[in-house]
């Protein structure tokens, strides 16, 4: 168990990271449209994917059981 007494295999941390990344990109979209008049959705998608890369990998490792093994050694 980690912080919040949830199993490392829980998808809740990944969902929260995705929610935070989406909220950040929505704010970026709002700012870009109001200041520049256009939105670079490719850059936002790139940022979103980069933000979720490590949380996704850690979640996959935890769900496969490899994270527990790595933390014990």
N, C-alpha and C. Protein backbone atom coordinates (compact mmCIF):
# COMPACT_ATOMS: atom_id res chain seq x y z
N UNK A 1 0.84 -1.19 0.00
CA UNK A 1 0.00 0.00 0.00
C UNK A 1 0.88 1.24 0.00
N UNK A 2 0.42 2.22 -0.73
CA UNK A 2 1.12 3.49 -0.78
C UNK A 2 0.27 4.55 -0.10
N UNK A 3 0.53 5.79 -0.41
CA UNK A 3 -0.25 6.88 0.18
C UNK A 3 -1.73 6.69 -0.11
N UNK A 4 -2.55 6.99 0.85
CA UNK A 4 -3.99 6.89 0.69
C UNK A 4 -4.54 5.50 0.87
N UNK A 5 -3.70 4.56 1.30
CA UNK A 5 -4.10 3.18 1.58
C UNK A 5 -4.73 2.49 0.37
N UNK A 6 -4.24 2.82 -0.79
CA UNK A 6 -4.71 2.15 -2.01
C UNK A 6 -3.63 1.22 -2.50
N UNK A 7 -4.05 0.17 -3.14
CA UNK A 7 -3.11 -0.77 -3.73
C UNK A 7 -2.36 -0.10 -4.87
N UNK A 8 -1.08 -0.42 -5.06
CA UNK A 8 -0.36 0.13 -6.20
C UNK A 8 -0.99 -0.29 -7.54
N UNK A 9 -1.80 -1.33 -7.52
CA UNK A 9 -2.46 -1.79 -8.74
C UNK A 9 -3.73 -1.01 -9.08
N UNK A 10 -4.11 -0.09 -8.22
CA UNK A 10 -5.31 0.71 -8.45
C UNK A 10 -5.12 1.62 -9.67
N UNK A 11 -6.20 1.80 -10.42
CA UNK A 11 -6.17 2.70 -11.56
C UNK A 11 -6.51 4.14 -11.18
N UNK A 12 -6.87 4.36 -9.93
CA UNK A 12 -7.25 5.70 -9.50
C UNK A 12 -6.11 6.72 -9.67
N UNK A 13 -4.87 6.43 -9.29
CA UNK A 13 -3.81 7.42 -9.51
C UNK A 13 -3.62 7.78 -10.99
N UNK A 14 -3.73 6.79 -11.86
CA UNK A 14 -3.61 7.06 -13.29
C UNK A 14 -4.78 7.92 -13.77
N UNK A 15 -5.96 7.63 -13.29
CA UNK A 15 -7.14 8.43 -13.66
C UNK A 15 -7.00 9.87 -13.17
N UNK A 16 -6.47 10.04 -11.97
CA UNK A 16 -6.28 11.39 -11.44
C UNK A 16 -5.22 12.15 -12.24
N UNK A 17 -4.15 11.46 -12.64
CA UNK A 17 -3.12 12.09 -13.47
C UNK A 17 -3.71 12.50 -14.82
N UNK A 18 -4.55 11.65 -15.40
CA UNK A 18 -5.19 11.97 -16.68
C UNK A 18 -6.14 13.16 -16.53
N UNK A 19 -6.86 13.20 -15.42
CA UNK A 19 -7.77 14.31 -15.17
C UNK A 19 -6.99 15.63 -15.02
N UNK A 20 -5.90 15.59 -14.27
CA UNK A 20 -5.08 16.79 -14.08
C UNK A 20 -4.44 17.24 -15.40
N UNK A 21 -3.95 16.29 -16.19
CA UNK A 21 -3.35 16.63 -17.48
C UNK A 21 -4.39 17.24 -18.42
N UNK A 22 -5.59 16.68 -18.41
CA UNK A 22 -6.66 17.20 -19.26
C UNK A 22 -7.06 18.60 -18.83
N UNK A 23 -7.15 18.82 -17.53
CA UNK A 23 -7.50 20.16 -17.03
C UNK A 23 -6.43 21.18 -17.43
N UNK A 24 -5.17 20.78 -17.32
CA UNK A 24 -4.08 21.68 -17.71
C UNK A 24 -4.12 22.01 -19.20
N UNK A 25 -4.41 21.02 -20.01
CA UNK A 25 -4.48 21.27 -21.45
C UNK A 25 -5.70 22.09 -21.83
N UNK A 26 -6.79 21.94 -21.10
CA UNK A 26 -7.95 22.80 -21.35
C UNK A 26 -7.65 24.25 -21.00
N UNK A 27 -6.89 24.46 -19.93
CA UNK A 27 -6.47 25.82 -19.59
C UNK A 27 -5.53 26.38 -20.65
N UNK A 28 -4.60 25.56 -21.14
CA UNK A 28 -3.71 25.99 -22.22
C UNK A 28 -4.50 26.36 -23.47
N UNK A 29 -5.52 25.54 -23.78
CA UNK A 29 -6.36 25.81 -24.95
C UNK A 29 -7.08 27.15 -24.80
N UNK A 30 -7.63 27.38 -23.62
CA UNK A 30 -8.34 28.64 -23.37
C UNK A 30 -7.39 29.82 -23.54
N UNK A 31 -6.19 29.72 -22.95
CA UNK A 31 -5.22 30.82 -23.06
C UNK A 31 -4.77 31.03 -24.50
N UNK A 32 -4.51 29.95 -25.22
CA UNK A 32 -4.06 30.08 -26.61
C UNK A 32 -5.14 30.72 -27.47
N UNK A 33 -6.38 30.31 -27.29
CA UNK A 33 -7.46 30.90 -28.09
C UNK A 33 -7.67 32.37 -27.77
N UNK A 34 -7.56 32.73 -26.49
CA UNK A 34 -7.81 34.13 -26.13
C UNK A 34 -6.63 35.03 -26.50
N UNK A 35 -5.41 34.51 -26.44
CA UNK A 35 -4.24 35.35 -26.74
C UNK A 35 -3.83 35.29 -28.20
N UNK A 36 -3.85 34.12 -28.79
CA UNK A 36 -3.35 33.95 -30.15
C UNK A 36 -4.45 33.82 -31.20
N UNK A 37 -5.63 33.45 -30.77
CA UNK A 37 -6.73 33.27 -31.70
C UNK A 37 -6.78 31.90 -32.34
N UNK A 38 -5.82 31.04 -32.02
CA UNK A 38 -5.84 29.67 -32.53
C UNK A 38 -5.20 28.75 -31.49
N UNK A 39 -5.43 27.47 -31.67
CA UNK A 39 -4.97 26.47 -30.71
C UNK A 39 -4.15 25.42 -31.42
N UNK A 40 -2.98 25.13 -30.92
CA UNK A 40 -2.12 24.09 -31.46
C UNK A 40 -2.45 22.77 -30.76
N UNK A 41 -3.46 22.07 -31.29
CA UNK A 41 -3.92 20.86 -30.63
C UNK A 41 -2.86 19.77 -30.67
N UNK A 42 -1.97 19.78 -31.67
CA UNK A 42 -0.91 18.77 -31.73
C UNK A 42 0.04 18.93 -30.55
N UNK A 43 0.36 20.16 -30.21
CA UNK A 43 1.24 20.42 -29.06
C UNK A 43 0.56 20.01 -27.76
N UNK A 44 -0.74 20.25 -27.66
CA UNK A 44 -1.47 19.84 -26.46
C UNK A 44 -1.51 18.32 -26.32
N UNK A 45 -1.74 17.65 -27.44
CA UNK A 45 -1.74 16.18 -27.41
C UNK A 45 -0.37 15.65 -27.02
N UNK A 46 0.67 16.25 -27.55
CA UNK A 46 2.05 15.86 -27.22
C UNK A 46 2.31 16.05 -25.72
N UNK A 47 1.91 17.18 -25.18
CA UNK A 47 2.07 17.44 -23.74
C UNK A 47 1.30 16.43 -22.90
N UNK A 48 0.07 16.12 -23.32
CA UNK A 48 -0.78 15.20 -22.57
C UNK A 48 -0.15 13.80 -22.54
N UNK A 49 0.33 13.35 -23.68
CA UNK A 49 0.97 12.03 -23.75
C UNK A 49 2.23 12.00 -22.90
N UNK A 50 3.05 13.05 -22.99
CA UNK A 50 4.27 13.11 -22.19
C UNK A 50 3.97 13.14 -20.69
N UNK A 51 2.92 13.84 -20.31
CA UNK A 51 2.55 13.91 -18.90
C UNK A 51 2.13 12.55 -18.36
N UNK A 52 1.45 11.76 -19.18
CA UNK A 52 0.93 10.47 -18.72
C UNK A 52 1.87 9.30 -18.97
N UNK A 53 3.02 9.54 -19.58
CA UNK A 53 3.92 8.44 -19.91
C UNK A 53 4.39 7.68 -18.66
N UNK A 54 5.01 8.37 -17.72
CA UNK A 54 5.53 7.68 -16.53
C UNK A 54 4.44 7.13 -15.63
N UNK A 55 3.37 7.87 -15.36
CA UNK A 55 2.30 7.25 -14.57
C UNK A 55 1.73 5.99 -15.21
N UNK A 56 1.61 5.99 -16.54
CA UNK A 56 1.10 4.81 -17.24
C UNK A 56 2.05 3.63 -17.12
N UNK A 57 3.33 3.89 -17.30
CA UNK A 57 4.32 2.82 -17.19
C UNK A 57 4.36 2.25 -15.78
N UNK A 58 4.33 3.12 -14.78
CA UNK A 58 4.32 2.65 -13.39
C UNK A 58 3.07 1.84 -13.09
N UNK A 59 1.94 2.28 -13.62
CA UNK A 59 0.69 1.54 -13.41
C UNK A 59 0.76 0.16 -14.06
N UNK A 60 1.28 0.09 -15.27
CA UNK A 60 1.42 -1.20 -15.95
C UNK A 60 2.37 -2.13 -15.20
N UNK A 61 3.48 -1.58 -14.71
CA UNK A 61 4.41 -2.39 -13.93
C UNK A 61 3.77 -2.90 -12.64
N UNK A 62 3.03 -2.03 -11.98
CA UNK A 62 2.37 -2.43 -10.72
C UNK A 62 1.33 -3.51 -10.98
N UNK A 63 0.56 -3.34 -12.05
CA UNK A 63 -0.50 -4.32 -12.34
C UNK A 63 0.07 -5.66 -12.79
N UNK A 64 1.27 -5.65 -13.37
CA UNK A 64 1.89 -6.91 -13.79
C UNK A 64 2.62 -7.59 -12.64
N UNK A 65 2.83 -6.89 -11.54
CA UNK A 65 3.54 -7.45 -10.39
C UNK A 65 5.03 -7.20 -10.43
N UNK A 66 5.53 -6.60 -11.48
CA UNK A 66 6.97 -6.36 -11.60
C UNK A 66 7.44 -5.20 -10.73
N UNK A 67 6.56 -4.29 -10.41
CA UNK A 67 6.94 -3.17 -9.55
C UNK A 67 7.21 -3.65 -8.14
N UNK A 68 6.38 -4.58 -7.64
CA UNK A 68 6.60 -5.12 -6.30
C UNK A 68 7.95 -5.82 -6.22
N UNK A 69 8.30 -6.59 -7.24
CA UNK A 69 9.57 -7.29 -7.27
C UNK A 69 10.73 -6.29 -7.31
N UNK A 70 10.60 -5.24 -8.09
CA UNK A 70 11.67 -4.26 -8.19
C UNK A 70 11.85 -3.49 -6.89
N UNK A 71 10.78 -3.22 -6.17
CA UNK A 71 10.88 -2.48 -4.93
C UNK A 71 11.45 -3.31 -3.79
N UNK A 72 11.33 -4.62 -3.85
CA UNK A 72 11.83 -5.50 -2.79
C UNK A 72 13.34 -5.67 -2.86
N UNK A 73 13.93 -5.52 -4.04
CA UNK A 73 15.37 -5.75 -4.16
C UNK A 73 16.17 -4.53 -3.86
